[in-house]
């Protein structure tokens, strides 16, 4: 066995910020989209692990995102729950986990995702917020309360 063999590649720890772990495999880039991260607004380090093995029940692979100097608001956490219903959020302060919780998908979702039906009342300029009932949690399946359309591609319809 060669002496320079790498056994484990680890993402470096962050001093202060947020770790989003157990993201559904392949969804970390959609998480960055939800966070509004792009090449023009990165002020602190961001580490991304894509297709990382895990022992969490029901998952073989996961993604992980570490955000230095950033904490998430409740609306952002709700959006993440729509594409990564098994995700956990850890708030890091001085290299220690100050708070840790699982994302939670409520019974209904209002105002954070739009209906994919162009004929839905929510897409006709009426003063009505899009509202969906959560029919399944993992993977999420949403039904519009106005037109009964099942939302297929949630990440493309986030507001």
N, C-alpha and C. Protein backbone atom coordinates (compact mmCIF):
# COMPACT_ATOMS: atom_id res chain seq x y z
N UNK A 1 0.85 -1.18 0.00
CA UNK A 1 0.00 0.00 0.00
C UNK A 1 0.89 1.25 0.00
N UNK A 2 0.65 2.19 -0.93
CA UNK A 2 1.47 3.40 -0.99
C UNK A 2 1.32 4.24 0.27
N UNK A 3 2.39 4.91 0.67
CA UNK A 3 2.41 5.71 1.89
C UNK A 3 1.54 6.96 1.79
N UNK A 4 1.27 7.45 0.56
CA UNK A 4 0.51 8.68 0.41
C UNK A 4 -0.98 8.43 0.13
N UNK A 5 -1.48 7.24 0.42
CA UNK A 5 -2.88 6.91 0.18
C UNK A 5 -3.78 7.71 1.12
N UNK A 6 -4.82 8.27 0.56
CA UNK A 6 -5.76 9.05 1.35
C UNK A 6 -6.92 8.14 1.75
N UNK A 7 -7.13 7.99 3.04
CA UNK A 7 -8.20 7.13 3.56
C UNK A 7 -9.53 7.88 3.66
N UNK A 8 -9.47 9.10 4.11
CA UNK A 8 -10.67 9.88 4.37
C UNK A 8 -10.43 11.32 3.96
N UNK A 9 -11.34 11.88 3.21
CA UNK A 9 -11.26 13.30 2.88
C UNK A 9 -12.36 13.97 3.69
N UNK A 10 -11.99 14.93 4.48
CA UNK A 10 -12.95 15.59 5.35
C UNK A 10 -13.09 17.06 4.99
N UNK A 11 -14.29 17.57 5.20
CA UNK A 11 -14.54 18.99 5.01
C UNK A 11 -14.08 19.69 6.28
N UNK A 12 -13.29 20.75 6.16
CA UNK A 12 -12.76 21.41 7.37
C UNK A 12 -13.87 21.99 8.24
N UNK A 13 -13.65 22.04 9.55
CA UNK A 13 -14.65 22.62 10.45
C UNK A 13 -14.77 24.12 10.24
N UNK A 14 -15.90 24.67 10.67
CA UNK A 14 -16.10 26.11 10.60
C UNK A 14 -16.16 26.65 12.02
N UNK A 15 -15.74 27.89 12.18
CA UNK A 15 -15.74 28.50 13.51
C UNK A 15 -17.15 28.94 13.91
N UNK A 16 -17.81 29.68 13.03
CA UNK A 16 -19.17 30.16 13.27
C UNK A 16 -19.95 30.02 11.98
N UNK A 17 -21.18 29.59 12.09
CA UNK A 17 -22.00 29.47 10.89
C UNK A 17 -23.01 28.35 10.99
N UNK A 18 -23.32 27.76 9.84
CA UNK A 18 -24.36 26.75 9.75
C UNK A 18 -23.88 25.56 8.95
N UNK A 19 -24.21 24.38 9.44
CA UNK A 19 -23.97 23.14 8.70
C UNK A 19 -25.32 22.54 8.36
N UNK A 20 -25.55 22.29 7.09
CA UNK A 20 -26.77 21.62 6.64
C UNK A 20 -26.33 20.22 6.23
N UNK A 21 -26.73 19.23 7.01
CA UNK A 21 -26.28 17.86 6.81
C UNK A 21 -27.47 16.99 6.41
N UNK A 22 -27.18 15.84 5.87
CA UNK A 22 -28.19 14.86 5.44
C UNK A 22 -29.11 15.44 4.37
N UNK A 23 -28.53 16.27 3.50
CA UNK A 23 -29.27 16.79 2.36
C UNK A 23 -29.47 15.63 1.39
N UNK A 24 -30.64 15.53 0.81
CA UNK A 24 -30.91 14.49 -0.17
C UNK A 24 -29.82 14.51 -1.23
N UNK A 25 -29.29 13.33 -1.54
CA UNK A 25 -28.20 13.18 -2.49
C UNK A 25 -28.49 13.93 -3.79
N UNK A 26 -27.57 14.80 -4.18
CA UNK A 26 -27.69 15.56 -5.42
C UNK A 26 -28.41 16.89 -5.29
N UNK A 27 -28.85 17.26 -4.08
CA UNK A 27 -29.62 18.49 -3.90
C UNK A 27 -28.83 19.66 -3.34
N UNK A 28 -27.53 19.49 -3.09
CA UNK A 28 -26.76 20.58 -2.47
C UNK A 28 -26.71 21.82 -3.34
N UNK A 29 -26.68 21.66 -4.64
CA UNK A 29 -26.66 22.84 -5.52
C UNK A 29 -28.00 23.57 -5.47
N UNK A 30 -29.09 22.82 -5.29
CA UNK A 30 -30.39 23.48 -5.11
C UNK A 30 -30.46 24.19 -3.77
N UNK A 31 -29.79 23.65 -2.75
CA UNK A 31 -29.71 24.34 -1.46
C UNK A 31 -28.99 25.68 -1.64
N UNK A 32 -27.90 25.67 -2.39
CA UNK A 32 -27.18 26.93 -2.64
C UNK A 32 -28.06 27.92 -3.40
N UNK A 33 -28.89 27.41 -4.30
CA UNK A 33 -29.83 28.26 -5.04
C UNK A 33 -30.83 28.89 -4.07
N UNK A 34 -31.35 28.10 -3.13
CA UNK A 34 -32.28 28.61 -2.12
C UNK A 34 -31.60 29.70 -1.29
N UNK A 35 -30.34 29.49 -0.96
CA UNK A 35 -29.60 30.45 -0.15
C UNK A 35 -29.23 31.71 -0.94
N UNK A 36 -29.41 31.66 -2.25
CA UNK A 36 -29.08 32.81 -3.09
C UNK A 36 -27.59 32.98 -3.29
N UNK A 37 -26.84 31.90 -3.11
CA UNK A 37 -25.38 31.96 -3.24
C UNK A 37 -24.99 31.92 -4.71
N UNK A 38 -24.17 32.87 -5.10
CA UNK A 38 -23.58 32.85 -6.44
C UNK A 38 -22.20 33.50 -6.38
N UNK A 39 -21.51 33.52 -7.50
CA UNK A 39 -20.12 34.00 -7.51
C UNK A 39 -19.99 35.47 -7.14
N UNK A 40 -21.08 36.21 -7.17
CA UNK A 40 -21.02 37.65 -6.89
C UNK A 40 -21.28 38.02 -5.44
N UNK A 41 -21.73 37.05 -4.61
CA UNK A 41 -22.11 37.44 -3.25
C UNK A 41 -21.52 36.53 -2.17
N UNK A 42 -20.42 35.91 -2.45
CA UNK A 42 -19.79 35.04 -1.45
C UNK A 42 -18.83 35.89 -0.61
N UNK A 43 -19.15 36.01 0.68
CA UNK A 43 -18.32 36.79 1.58
C UNK A 43 -17.49 35.92 2.52
N UNK A 44 -17.93 34.68 2.71
CA UNK A 44 -17.25 33.74 3.61
C UNK A 44 -17.14 32.39 2.93
N UNK A 45 -16.39 31.49 3.55
CA UNK A 45 -16.17 30.20 2.91
C UNK A 45 -17.43 29.34 2.95
N UNK A 46 -17.59 28.55 1.90
CA UNK A 46 -18.67 27.59 1.77
C UNK A 46 -18.02 26.28 1.36
N UNK A 47 -18.33 25.22 2.10
CA UNK A 47 -17.83 23.89 1.76
C UNK A 47 -19.02 23.03 1.37
N UNK A 48 -18.84 22.25 0.30
CA UNK A 48 -19.91 21.41 -0.21
C UNK A 48 -19.38 19.99 -0.37
N UNK A 49 -20.13 19.05 0.17
CA UNK A 49 -19.85 17.64 -0.06
C UNK A 49 -21.01 17.05 -0.84
N UNK A 50 -20.72 16.48 -1.99
CA UNK A 50 -21.75 15.90 -2.84
C UNK A 50 -21.52 14.40 -2.92
N UNK A 51 -22.59 13.63 -2.75
CA UNK A 51 -22.57 12.17 -2.85
C UNK A 51 -21.58 11.58 -1.83
N UNK A 52 -21.83 11.90 -0.57
CA UNK A 52 -21.01 11.44 0.55
C UNK A 52 -21.74 10.26 1.20
N UNK A 53 -21.03 9.18 1.50
CA UNK A 53 -21.69 8.02 2.11
C UNK A 53 -22.16 8.36 3.53
N UNK A 54 -23.26 7.72 3.94
CA UNK A 54 -23.83 7.97 5.26
C UNK A 54 -24.41 6.69 5.83
N UNK A 55 -24.52 6.64 7.14
CA UNK A 55 -25.13 5.51 7.82
C UNK A 55 -26.53 5.83 8.33
N UNK A 56 -27.05 7.03 8.02
CA UNK A 56 -28.38 7.42 8.49
C UNK A 56 -29.43 6.49 7.87
N UNK A 57 -30.37 6.05 8.69
CA UNK A 57 -31.41 5.14 8.24
C UNK A 57 -32.15 5.70 7.03
N UNK A 58 -32.33 4.87 6.03
CA UNK A 58 -33.06 5.27 4.83
C UNK A 58 -32.22 6.01 3.81
N UNK A 59 -30.95 6.25 4.11
CA UNK A 59 -30.08 6.96 3.18
C UNK A 59 -28.78 6.17 3.00
N UNK A 60 -28.31 6.13 1.77
CA UNK A 60 -26.99 5.55 1.51
C UNK A 60 -26.00 6.66 1.19
N UNK A 61 -26.52 7.70 0.53
CA UNK A 61 -25.70 8.84 0.13
C UNK A 61 -26.38 10.12 0.57
N UNK A 62 -25.59 11.15 0.80
CA UNK A 62 -26.10 12.45 1.21
C UNK A 62 -25.21 13.54 0.64
N UNK A 63 -25.68 14.76 0.75
CA UNK A 63 -24.87 15.94 0.49
C UNK A 63 -24.77 16.71 1.80
N UNK A 64 -23.79 17.59 1.88
CA UNK A 64 -23.59 18.42 3.07
C UNK A 64 -23.10 19.79 2.63
N UNK A 65 -23.56 20.84 3.30
CA UNK A 65 -23.13 22.21 3.00
C UNK A 65 -22.74 22.87 4.32
N UNK A 66 -21.55 23.48 4.35
CA UNK A 66 -21.10 24.25 5.51
C UNK A 66 -20.95 25.71 5.09
N UNK A 67 -21.57 26.59 5.86
CA UNK A 67 -21.60 28.01 5.54
C UNK A 67 -20.96 28.79 6.68
N UNK A 68 -19.81 29.35 6.43
CA UNK A 68 -19.12 30.15 7.44
C UNK A 68 -19.84 31.48 7.60
N UNK A 69 -20.04 31.92 8.85
CA UNK A 69 -20.62 33.23 9.18
C UNK A 69 -22.02 33.46 8.61
N UNK A 70 -22.85 32.39 8.55
CA UNK A 70 -24.20 32.54 8.06
C UNK A 70 -25.15 31.68 8.90
N UNK A 71 -26.27 32.28 9.32
CA UNK A 71 -27.34 31.54 9.97
C UNK A 71 -28.60 31.71 9.14
N UNK A 72 -29.47 30.72 9.16
CA UNK A 72 -30.62 30.68 8.28
C UNK A 72 -31.89 31.19 8.97
N UNK A 73 -32.73 31.87 8.19
CA UNK A 73 -34.02 32.32 8.71
C UNK A 73 -35.04 31.19 8.53
N UNK A 74 -36.17 31.25 9.22
CA UNK A 74 -37.16 30.18 9.16
C UNK A 74 -37.71 29.90 7.75
N UNK A 75 -37.88 30.91 6.92
CA UNK A 75 -38.40 30.70 5.56
C UNK A 75 -37.39 29.90 4.74
N UNK A 76 -36.12 30.20 4.87
CA UNK A 76 -35.08 29.45 4.16
C UNK A 76 -35.07 28.00 4.62
N UNK A 77 -35.20 27.77 5.92
CA UNK A 77 -35.23 26.40 6.44
C UNK A 77 -36.44 25.65 5.88
N UNK A 78 -37.59 26.33 5.76
CA UNK A 78 -38.79 25.70 5.19
C UNK A 78 -38.57 25.31 3.73
N UNK A 79 -37.89 26.15 2.98
CA UNK A 79 -37.59 25.82 1.58
C UNK A 79 -36.65 24.62 1.49
N UNK A 80 -35.66 24.58 2.37
CA UNK A 80 -34.73 23.44 2.38
C UNK A 80 -35.49 22.15 2.70
N UNK A 81 -36.46 22.22 3.61
CA UNK A 81 -37.25 21.03 3.97
C UNK A 81 -38.00 20.47 2.76
N UNK A 82 -38.34 21.32 1.81
CA UNK A 82 -39.06 20.86 0.62
C UNK A 82 -38.20 20.01 -0.30
N UNK A 83 -36.90 20.28 -0.35
CA UNK A 83 -36.04 19.49 -1.25
C UNK A 83 -35.15 18.52 -0.50
N UNK A 84 -35.05 18.68 0.81
CA UNK A 84 -34.21 17.79 1.63
C UNK A 84 -34.93 17.52 2.96
N UNK A 85 -36.00 16.71 2.93
CA UNK A 85 -36.83 16.53 4.12
C UNK A 85 -36.15 15.83 5.29
N UNK A 86 -34.99 15.20 5.07
CA UNK A 86 -34.27 14.54 6.16
C UNK A 86 -33.08 15.36 6.65
N UNK A 87 -32.97 16.59 6.18
CA UNK A 87 -31.81 17.42 6.54
C UNK A 87 -31.79 17.79 8.01
N UNK A 88 -30.59 17.97 8.53
CA UNK A 88 -30.41 18.51 9.88
C UNK A 88 -29.62 19.81 9.75
N UNK A 89 -29.93 20.74 10.63
CA UNK A 89 -29.27 22.04 10.64
C UNK A 89 -28.53 22.16 11.97
N UNK A 90 -27.25 22.47 11.90
CA UNK A 90 -26.45 22.71 13.10
C UNK A 90 -25.93 24.14 13.05
N UNK A 91 -26.16 24.87 14.13
CA UNK A 91 -25.62 26.22 14.28
C UNK A 91 -24.31 26.07 15.05
N UNK A 92 -23.24 26.57 14.46
CA UNK A 92 -21.90 26.43 15.03
C UNK A 92 -21.45 27.77 15.59
N UNK A 93 -20.95 27.73 16.82
CA UNK A 93 -20.38 28.93 17.44
C UNK A 93 -19.08 28.52 18.12
N UNK A 94 -18.00 29.19 17.79
CA UNK A 94 -16.66 28.88 18.32
C UNK A 94 -16.33 27.39 18.18
N UNK A 95 -16.59 26.85 16.99
CA UNK A 95 -16.29 25.46 16.62
C UNK A 95 -17.17 24.42 17.30
N UNK A 96 -18.15 24.80 18.11
CA UNK A 96 -19.02 23.85 18.80
C UNK A 96 -20.45 23.98 18.29
N UNK A 97 -21.18 22.88 18.35
CA UNK A 97 -22.59 22.90 17.97
C UNK A 97 -23.38 23.58 19.09
N UNK A 98 -23.90 24.76 18.79
CA UNK A 98 -24.68 25.51 19.77
C UNK A 98 -26.15 25.09 19.72
N UNK A 99 -26.59 24.65 18.55
CA UNK A 99 -27.99 24.27 18.36
C UNK A 99 -28.04 23.29 17.19
N UNK A 100 -28.90 22.29 17.30
CA UNK A 100 -29.06 21.32 16.22
C UNK A 100 -30.52 20.91 16.15
N UNK A 101 -31.07 20.87 14.91
CA UNK A 101 -32.46 20.47 14.76
C UNK A 101 -32.67 19.88 13.37
N UNK A 102 -33.74 19.10 13.26
CA UNK A 102 -34.15 18.55 11.96
C UNK A 102 -35.08 19.54 11.29
N UNK A 103 -35.00 19.63 9.97
CA UNK A 103 -35.96 20.46 9.26
C UNK A 103 -37.33 19.83 9.42
N UNK A 104 -38.36 20.65 9.34
CA UNK A 104 -39.72 20.15 9.55
C UNK A 104 -40.61 20.64 8.41
N UNK A 105 -41.30 19.71 7.81
CA UNK A 105 -42.25 20.03 6.75
C UNK A 105 -43.64 20.03 7.37
N UNK A 106 -44.30 21.20 7.37
CA UNK A 106 -45.63 21.32 7.96
C UNK A 106 -46.67 20.60 7.09
N UNK A 107 -47.91 20.61 7.54
CA UNK A 107 -49.01 19.96 6.80
C UNK A 107 -49.34 20.71 5.52
N UNK A 108 -49.08 22.01 5.52
CA UNK A 108 -49.32 22.80 4.32
C UNK A 108 -48.16 23.79 4.14
N UNK A 109 -48.01 24.26 2.91
CA UNK A 109 -46.93 25.17 2.55
C UNK A 109 -47.58 26.37 1.85
N UNK A 110 -47.32 27.57 2.36
CA UNK A 110 -47.94 28.76 1.79
C UNK A 110 -46.88 29.80 1.44
N UNK A 111 -46.92 30.28 0.21
CA UNK A 111 -46.12 31.43 -0.20
C UNK A 111 -44.65 31.19 -0.46
N UNK A 112 -44.17 29.95 -0.46
CA UNK A 112 -42.74 29.73 -0.72
C UNK A 112 -42.48 28.92 -1.98
N UNK A 113 -43.55 28.42 -2.58
CA UNK A 113 -43.42 27.67 -3.84
C UNK A 113 -44.62 28.03 -4.70
N UNK A 114 -44.41 28.14 -6.02
CA UNK A 114 -45.50 28.52 -6.91
C UNK A 114 -46.06 27.29 -7.62
N UNK A 115 -47.30 27.39 -8.01
CA UNK A 115 -47.97 26.30 -8.72
C UNK A 115 -47.43 26.23 -10.15
N UNK A 116 -47.25 25.01 -10.64
CA UNK A 116 -46.72 24.83 -12.00
C UNK A 116 -47.81 24.91 -13.06
N UNK A 117 -49.07 25.02 -12.63
CA UNK A 117 -50.19 25.12 -13.56
C UNK A 117 -50.36 26.59 -13.97
N UNK A 118 -50.09 26.92 -15.25
CA UNK A 118 -50.22 28.32 -15.67
C UNK A 118 -51.65 28.85 -15.55
N UNK A 119 -52.64 27.96 -15.51
CA UNK A 119 -54.04 28.39 -15.40
C UNK A 119 -54.53 28.46 -13.95
N UNK A 120 -53.69 28.16 -13.00
CA UNK A 120 -54.06 28.24 -11.58
C UNK A 120 -54.32 29.71 -11.22
N UNK A 121 -55.28 29.94 -10.35
CA UNK A 121 -55.62 31.31 -9.92
C UNK A 121 -54.41 32.04 -9.33
N UNK A 122 -53.48 31.29 -8.75
CA UNK A 122 -52.30 31.91 -8.14
C UNK A 122 -51.34 32.46 -9.19
N UNK A 123 -51.50 32.07 -10.44
CA UNK A 123 -50.65 32.55 -11.54
C UNK A 123 -51.37 33.53 -12.46
N UNK A 124 -52.54 34.00 -12.07
CA UNK A 124 -53.35 34.88 -12.91
C UNK A 124 -53.39 36.32 -12.42
N UNK A 125 -52.47 36.70 -11.53
CA UNK A 125 -52.42 38.07 -11.05
C UNK A 125 -53.40 38.38 -9.94
N UNK A 126 -54.10 37.37 -9.45
CA UNK A 126 -55.03 37.57 -8.34
C UNK A 126 -54.24 37.68 -7.03
N UNK A 127 -54.77 38.40 -6.06
CA UNK A 127 -54.06 38.54 -4.78
C UNK A 127 -54.23 37.30 -3.89
N UNK A 128 -53.75 36.16 -4.40
CA UNK A 128 -53.87 34.89 -3.70
C UNK A 128 -52.47 34.27 -3.58
N UNK A 129 -52.07 33.92 -2.38
CA UNK A 129 -50.77 33.27 -2.19
C UNK A 129 -50.88 31.79 -2.55
N UNK A 130 -49.87 31.26 -3.24
CA UNK A 130 -49.89 29.82 -3.53
C UNK A 130 -49.89 29.02 -2.23
N UNK A 131 -50.74 27.98 -2.18
CA UNK A 131 -50.83 27.14 -0.99
C UNK A 131 -50.94 25.69 -1.42
N UNK A 132 -50.17 24.86 -0.75
CA UNK A 132 -50.13 23.44 -1.09
C UNK A 132 -50.32 22.60 0.16
N UNK A 133 -50.97 21.46 0.00
CA UNK A 133 -51.06 20.47 1.06
C UNK A 133 -49.94 19.47 0.84
N UNK A 134 -49.30 19.06 1.92
CA UNK A 134 -48.23 18.07 1.84
C UNK A 134 -48.88 16.70 1.87
N UNK A 135 -48.82 15.99 0.74
CA UNK A 135 -49.43 14.66 0.66
C UNK A 135 -48.45 13.57 1.05
N UNK A 136 -47.19 13.76 0.74
CA UNK A 136 -46.15 12.82 1.15
C UNK A 136 -44.95 13.64 1.60
N UNK A 137 -44.19 13.11 2.54
CA UNK A 137 -43.07 13.84 3.13
C UNK A 137 -41.72 13.45 2.56
N UNK A 138 -41.54 12.22 2.17
CA UNK A 138 -40.22 11.79 1.72
C UNK A 138 -40.33 10.79 0.58
N UNK A 139 -40.13 11.24 -0.64
CA UNK A 139 -39.86 12.62 -1.05
C UNK A 139 -41.15 13.45 -0.99
N UNK A 140 -41.01 14.74 -0.81
CA UNK A 140 -42.20 15.59 -0.70
C UNK A 140 -43.07 15.56 -1.95
N UNK A 141 -44.36 15.48 -1.72
CA UNK A 141 -45.36 15.54 -2.79
C UNK A 141 -46.37 16.58 -2.36
N UNK A 142 -46.51 17.64 -3.15
CA UNK A 142 -47.38 18.76 -2.81
C UNK A 142 -48.56 18.84 -3.78
N UNK A 143 -49.75 19.15 -3.24
CA UNK A 143 -50.95 19.33 -4.07
C UNK A 143 -51.48 20.74 -3.86
N UNK A 144 -51.66 21.47 -4.96
CA UNK A 144 -52.20 22.83 -4.91
C UNK A 144 -53.64 22.79 -4.38
N UNK A 145 -53.97 23.64 -3.41
CA UNK A 145 -55.31 23.66 -2.85
C UNK A 145 -56.32 24.32 -3.80
N UNK A 146 -55.84 25.05 -4.80
CA UNK A 146 -56.73 25.76 -5.71
C UNK A 146 -57.06 24.96 -6.97
N UNK A 147 -56.08 24.27 -7.53
CA UNK A 147 -56.31 23.58 -8.80
C UNK A 147 -56.04 22.07 -8.73
N UNK A 148 -55.60 21.58 -7.58
CA UNK A 148 -55.31 20.16 -7.35
C UNK A 148 -54.11 19.63 -8.13
N UNK A 149 -53.33 20.49 -8.74
CA UNK A 149 -52.14 20.04 -9.47
C UNK A 149 -51.11 19.53 -8.48
N UNK A 150 -50.50 18.38 -8.81
CA UNK A 150 -49.39 17.85 -8.02
C UNK A 150 -48.13 18.54 -8.53
N UNK A 151 -47.38 19.13 -7.62
CA UNK A 151 -46.14 19.81 -8.00
C UNK A 151 -45.04 18.79 -8.17
N UNK A 152 -44.49 18.72 -9.37
CA UNK A 152 -43.51 17.70 -9.70
C UNK A 152 -42.08 18.13 -9.37
N UNK A 153 -41.66 19.28 -9.84
CA UNK A 153 -40.28 19.70 -9.65
C UNK A 153 -40.24 20.88 -8.68
N UNK A 154 -40.18 20.56 -7.41
CA UNK A 154 -40.29 21.58 -6.36
C UNK A 154 -39.16 22.60 -6.46
N UNK A 155 -37.93 22.16 -6.67
CA UNK A 155 -36.79 23.09 -6.67
C UNK A 155 -36.90 24.14 -7.77
N UNK A 156 -37.55 23.82 -8.89
CA UNK A 156 -37.69 24.80 -9.97
C UNK A 156 -38.85 25.78 -9.71
N UNK A 157 -39.67 25.52 -8.72
CA UNK A 157 -40.84 26.35 -8.46
C UNK A 157 -40.77 27.11 -7.14
N UNK A 158 -39.61 27.11 -6.49
CA UNK A 158 -39.47 27.87 -5.25
C UNK A 158 -39.53 29.36 -5.55
N UNK A 159 -40.18 30.08 -4.67
CA UNK A 159 -40.30 31.54 -4.85
C UNK A 159 -39.15 32.21 -4.14
